[in-house]
Amino acid sequence: MFKIFKKPKLKRKINQLGSIPMDKYNEFNVIKNWRRFPRFAIVVFVSAFLFLLQHLFDPKTDRDSSLYSIYIYLYSGIIFITFAF
């Protein structure tokens, strides 16, 4: 009348180090996301470069303000970091 259900056993085998290997799906997602990184870096690099050019050469920019130097340092830092990777 009543059936006793057993807990399902873990189907993945444990390797010699004692850790359970990752699924193929997770590894595929990690690889796929890493392959998208260069496109993201290119977009960040180009947008920071264009903003830097805009702040350097736009005649409407107030070069005496303190924000001007902050923007220049910020955009050049972003360009340097993305170029380094």
N, C-alpha and C. Protein backbone atom coordinates (compact mmCIF):
# COMPACT_ATOMS: atom_id res chain seq x y z
N MET A 1 0.81 -1.18 0.00
CA MET A 1 0.00 0.00 0.00
C MET A 1 0.87 1.26 0.00
N PHE A 2 1.82 1.35 0.92
CA PHE A 2 2.72 2.49 0.95
C PHE A 2 4.06 2.08 0.38
N LYS A 3 4.57 2.87 -0.54
CA LYS A 3 5.89 2.59 -1.10
C LYS A 3 6.90 3.52 -0.46
N ILE A 4 8.03 3.00 -0.15
CA ILE A 4 9.10 3.81 0.42
C ILE A 4 10.02 4.23 -0.73
N PHE A 5 10.14 5.53 -0.89
CA PHE A 5 10.96 6.05 -1.97
C PHE A 5 12.38 6.27 -1.47
N LYS A 6 13.32 5.77 -2.23
CA LYS A 6 14.72 5.97 -1.88
C LYS A 6 15.21 7.27 -2.51
N LYS A 7 16.18 7.87 -1.87
CA LYS A 7 16.77 9.08 -2.43
C LYS A 7 17.54 8.71 -3.68
N PRO A 8 17.44 9.53 -4.73
CA PRO A 8 18.20 9.21 -5.94
C PRO A 8 19.70 9.39 -5.70
N LYS A 9 20.46 8.49 -6.25
CA LYS A 9 21.91 8.56 -6.08
C LYS A 9 22.50 9.57 -7.06
N LEU A 10 23.62 10.10 -6.69
CA LEU A 10 24.32 11.05 -7.55
C LEU A 10 24.89 10.29 -8.73
N LYS A 11 24.48 10.66 -9.94
CA LYS A 11 24.88 9.91 -11.12
C LYS A 11 26.27 10.29 -11.62
N ARG A 12 26.74 11.48 -11.27
CA ARG A 12 28.06 11.90 -11.73
C ARG A 12 29.14 11.24 -10.88
N LYS A 13 30.17 10.80 -11.53
CA LYS A 13 31.26 10.15 -10.80
C LYS A 13 32.19 11.21 -10.21
N ILE A 14 32.73 10.89 -9.08
CA ILE A 14 33.67 11.79 -8.42
C ILE A 14 35.07 11.40 -8.87
N ASN A 15 35.85 12.40 -9.30
CA ASN A 15 37.19 12.10 -9.78
C ASN A 15 38.15 11.87 -8.62
N GLN A 16 39.42 11.64 -8.94
CA GLN A 16 40.39 11.24 -7.92
C GLN A 16 40.62 12.33 -6.87
N LEU A 17 40.46 13.58 -7.24
CA LEU A 17 40.70 14.65 -6.28
C LEU A 17 39.52 14.84 -5.33
N GLY A 18 38.41 14.18 -5.59
CA GLY A 18 37.28 14.28 -4.70
C GLY A 18 36.28 15.35 -5.08
N SER A 19 36.47 16.01 -6.20
CA SER A 19 35.52 17.04 -6.60
C SER A 19 34.67 16.52 -7.75
N ILE A 20 33.50 17.05 -7.87
CA ILE A 20 32.58 16.64 -8.93
C ILE A 20 32.88 17.50 -10.15
N PRO A 21 33.09 16.89 -11.32
CA PRO A 21 33.40 17.68 -12.51
C PRO A 21 32.19 18.52 -12.94
N MET A 22 32.48 19.64 -13.58
CA MET A 22 31.42 20.52 -14.05
C MET A 22 30.67 19.89 -15.21
N ASP A 23 29.44 20.29 -15.37
CA ASP A 23 28.67 19.83 -16.51
C ASP A 23 29.22 20.45 -17.78
N LYS A 24 28.95 19.81 -18.90
CA LYS A 24 29.37 20.37 -20.19
C LYS A 24 28.66 21.68 -20.46
N TYR A 25 27.43 21.80 -20.00
CA TYR A 25 26.66 23.02 -20.23
C TYR A 25 27.32 24.22 -19.55
N ASN A 26 27.77 24.06 -18.32
CA ASN A 26 28.42 25.15 -17.61
C ASN A 26 29.74 25.52 -18.26
N GLU A 27 30.52 24.53 -18.67
CA GLU A 27 31.79 24.82 -19.33
C GLU A 27 31.55 25.55 -20.64
N PHE A 28 30.51 25.15 -21.38
CA PHE A 28 30.19 25.81 -22.64
C PHE A 28 29.81 27.26 -22.41
N ASN A 29 29.03 27.52 -21.35
CA ASN A 29 28.65 28.90 -21.07
C ASN A 29 29.86 29.75 -20.70
N VAL A 30 30.78 29.19 -19.93
CA VAL A 30 31.98 29.95 -19.55
C VAL A 30 32.80 30.27 -20.79
N ILE A 31 32.97 29.30 -21.67
CA ILE A 31 33.74 29.53 -22.90
C ILE A 31 33.03 30.54 -23.78
N LYS A 32 31.71 30.42 -23.90
CA LYS A 32 30.97 31.34 -24.75
C LYS A 32 31.04 32.76 -24.21
N ASN A 33 30.93 32.92 -22.90
CA ASN A 33 31.01 34.26 -22.32
C ASN A 33 32.40 34.85 -22.47
N TRP A 34 33.45 34.03 -22.34
CA TRP A 34 34.81 34.52 -22.49
C TRP A 34 35.08 34.94 -23.93
N ARG A 35 34.46 34.27 -24.88
CA ARG A 35 34.64 34.66 -26.29
C ARG A 35 33.96 35.98 -26.60
N ARG A 36 32.97 36.36 -25.80
CA ARG A 36 32.30 37.65 -26.00
C ARG A 36 33.10 38.81 -25.43
N PHE A 37 34.09 38.55 -24.59
CA PHE A 37 34.83 39.62 -23.93
C PHE A 37 35.55 40.55 -24.90
N PRO A 38 36.23 40.05 -25.96
CA PRO A 38 36.91 41.00 -26.86
C PRO A 38 35.96 41.99 -27.51
N ARG A 39 34.75 41.56 -27.86
CA ARG A 39 33.79 42.49 -28.45
C ARG A 39 33.39 43.56 -27.44
N PHE A 40 33.19 43.16 -26.20
CA PHE A 40 32.86 44.12 -25.15
C PHE A 40 34.00 45.11 -24.94
N ALA A 41 35.23 44.61 -24.93
CA ALA A 41 36.39 45.48 -24.74
C ALA A 41 36.53 46.46 -25.90
N ILE A 42 36.25 46.01 -27.11
CA ILE A 42 36.33 46.90 -28.28
C ILE A 42 35.28 48.00 -28.18
N VAL A 43 34.08 47.66 -27.77
CA VAL A 43 33.02 48.67 -27.64
C VAL A 43 33.38 49.69 -26.58
N VAL A 44 33.90 49.24 -25.44
CA VAL A 44 34.30 50.16 -24.37
C VAL A 44 35.45 51.05 -24.84
N PHE A 45 36.43 50.46 -25.52
CA PHE A 45 37.58 51.21 -26.01
C PHE A 45 37.16 52.30 -26.99
N VAL A 46 36.34 51.93 -27.97
CA VAL A 46 35.93 52.89 -29.00
C VAL A 46 35.07 54.00 -28.40
N SER A 47 34.14 53.64 -27.51
CA SER A 47 33.29 54.68 -26.93
C SER A 47 34.10 55.64 -26.05
N ALA A 48 35.03 55.11 -25.26
CA ALA A 48 35.87 55.99 -24.44
C ALA A 48 36.76 56.87 -25.31
N PHE A 49 37.26 56.30 -26.41
CA PHE A 49 38.11 57.08 -27.32
C PHE A 49 37.31 58.21 -27.97
N LEU A 50 36.08 57.93 -28.38
CA LEU A 50 35.26 58.98 -28.99
C LEU A 50 34.89 60.06 -27.98
N PHE A 51 34.57 59.68 -26.75
CA PHE A 51 34.28 60.68 -25.72
C PHE A 51 35.52 61.52 -25.42
N LEU A 52 36.68 60.89 -25.41
CA LEU A 52 37.92 61.63 -25.17
C LEU A 52 38.17 62.64 -26.29
N LEU A 53 37.97 62.22 -27.54
CA LEU A 53 38.13 63.16 -28.66
C LEU A 53 37.11 64.29 -28.57
N GLN A 54 35.90 63.98 -28.16
CA GLN A 54 34.89 65.01 -28.03
C GLN A 54 35.29 66.04 -26.98
N HIS A 55 35.81 65.58 -25.85
CA HIS A 55 36.20 66.52 -24.80
C HIS A 55 37.45 67.30 -25.17
N LEU A 56 38.31 66.71 -25.98
CA LEU A 56 39.53 67.42 -26.36
C LEU A 56 39.29 68.47 -27.44
N PHE A 57 38.44 68.16 -28.42
CA PHE A 57 38.35 69.01 -29.61
C PHE A 57 37.02 69.74 -29.77
N ASP A 58 36.07 69.54 -28.89
CA ASP A 58 34.79 70.24 -29.02
C ASP A 58 34.97 71.68 -28.53
N PRO A 59 34.64 72.67 -29.37
CA PRO A 59 34.85 74.07 -28.95
C PRO A 59 33.91 74.53 -27.84
N LYS A 60 32.80 73.82 -27.63
CA LYS A 60 31.86 74.22 -26.59
C LYS A 60 32.28 73.74 -25.20
N THR A 61 33.34 72.95 -25.12
CA THR A 61 33.77 72.41 -23.84
C THR A 61 34.46 73.48 -23.01
N ASP A 62 34.08 73.58 -21.73
CA ASP A 62 34.70 74.53 -20.82
C ASP A 62 35.98 73.90 -20.26
N ARG A 63 37.12 74.33 -20.76
CA ARG A 63 38.39 73.71 -20.37
C ARG A 63 38.89 74.19 -19.01
N ASP A 64 38.28 75.21 -18.47
CA ASP A 64 38.71 75.72 -17.16
C ASP A 64 38.03 75.00 -15.99
N SER A 65 37.02 74.20 -16.27
CA SER A 65 36.30 73.54 -15.18
C SER A 65 37.10 72.35 -14.65
N SER A 66 36.81 71.99 -13.41
CA SER A 66 37.52 70.86 -12.81
C SER A 66 37.03 69.53 -13.38
N LEU A 67 35.80 69.49 -13.86
CA LEU A 67 35.28 68.26 -14.44
C LEU A 67 36.00 67.90 -15.74
N TYR A 68 36.51 68.91 -16.44
CA TYR A 68 37.20 68.65 -17.70
C TYR A 68 38.41 67.74 -17.47
N SER A 69 39.23 68.05 -16.49
CA SER A 69 40.41 67.21 -16.24
C SER A 69 40.01 65.84 -15.71
N ILE A 70 38.92 65.78 -14.92
CA ILE A 70 38.46 64.48 -14.42
C ILE A 70 38.01 63.60 -15.58
N TYR A 71 37.26 64.19 -16.53
CA TYR A 71 36.83 63.42 -17.69
C TYR A 71 38.01 62.94 -18.52
N ILE A 72 39.00 63.79 -18.71
CA ILE A 72 40.18 63.41 -19.50
C ILE A 72 40.90 62.25 -18.83
N TYR A 73 41.12 62.35 -17.53
CA TYR A 73 41.79 61.25 -16.81
C TYR A 73 40.95 59.97 -16.82
N LEU A 74 39.65 60.12 -16.66
CA LEU A 74 38.76 58.96 -16.63
C LEU A 74 38.76 58.23 -17.97
N TYR A 75 38.57 58.96 -19.05
CA TYR A 75 38.52 58.31 -20.37
C TYR A 75 39.87 57.74 -20.77
N SER A 76 40.95 58.45 -20.46
CA SER A 76 42.26 57.90 -20.81
C SER A 76 42.58 56.68 -19.95
N GLY A 77 42.11 56.65 -18.71
CA GLY A 77 42.29 55.45 -17.88
C GLY A 77 41.51 54.26 -18.42
N ILE A 78 40.27 54.50 -18.85
CA ILE A 78 39.47 53.42 -19.44
C ILE A 78 40.14 52.90 -20.71
N ILE A 79 40.64 53.81 -21.53
CA ILE A 79 41.32 53.40 -22.76
C ILE A 79 42.57 52.58 -22.43
N PHE A 80 43.33 53.02 -21.45
CA PHE A 80 44.55 52.28 -21.08
C PHE A 80 44.22 50.89 -20.55
N ILE A 81 43.20 50.79 -19.70
CA ILE A 81 42.85 49.49 -19.13
C ILE A 81 42.34 48.53 -20.20
N THR A 82 41.46 49.00 -21.08
CA THR A 82 40.94 48.11 -22.11
C THR A 82 42.02 47.75 -23.13
N PHE A 83 42.95 48.67 -23.38
CA PHE A 83 44.04 48.37 -24.31
C PHE A 83 45.01 47.37 -23.69
N ALA A 84 45.17 47.42 -22.37
CA ALA A 84 46.07 46.49 -21.70
C ALA A 84 45.55 45.05 -21.76
N PHE A 85 44.23 44.89 -21.74
CA PHE A 85 43.67 43.55 -21.83
C PHE A 85 43.59 43.11 -23.26
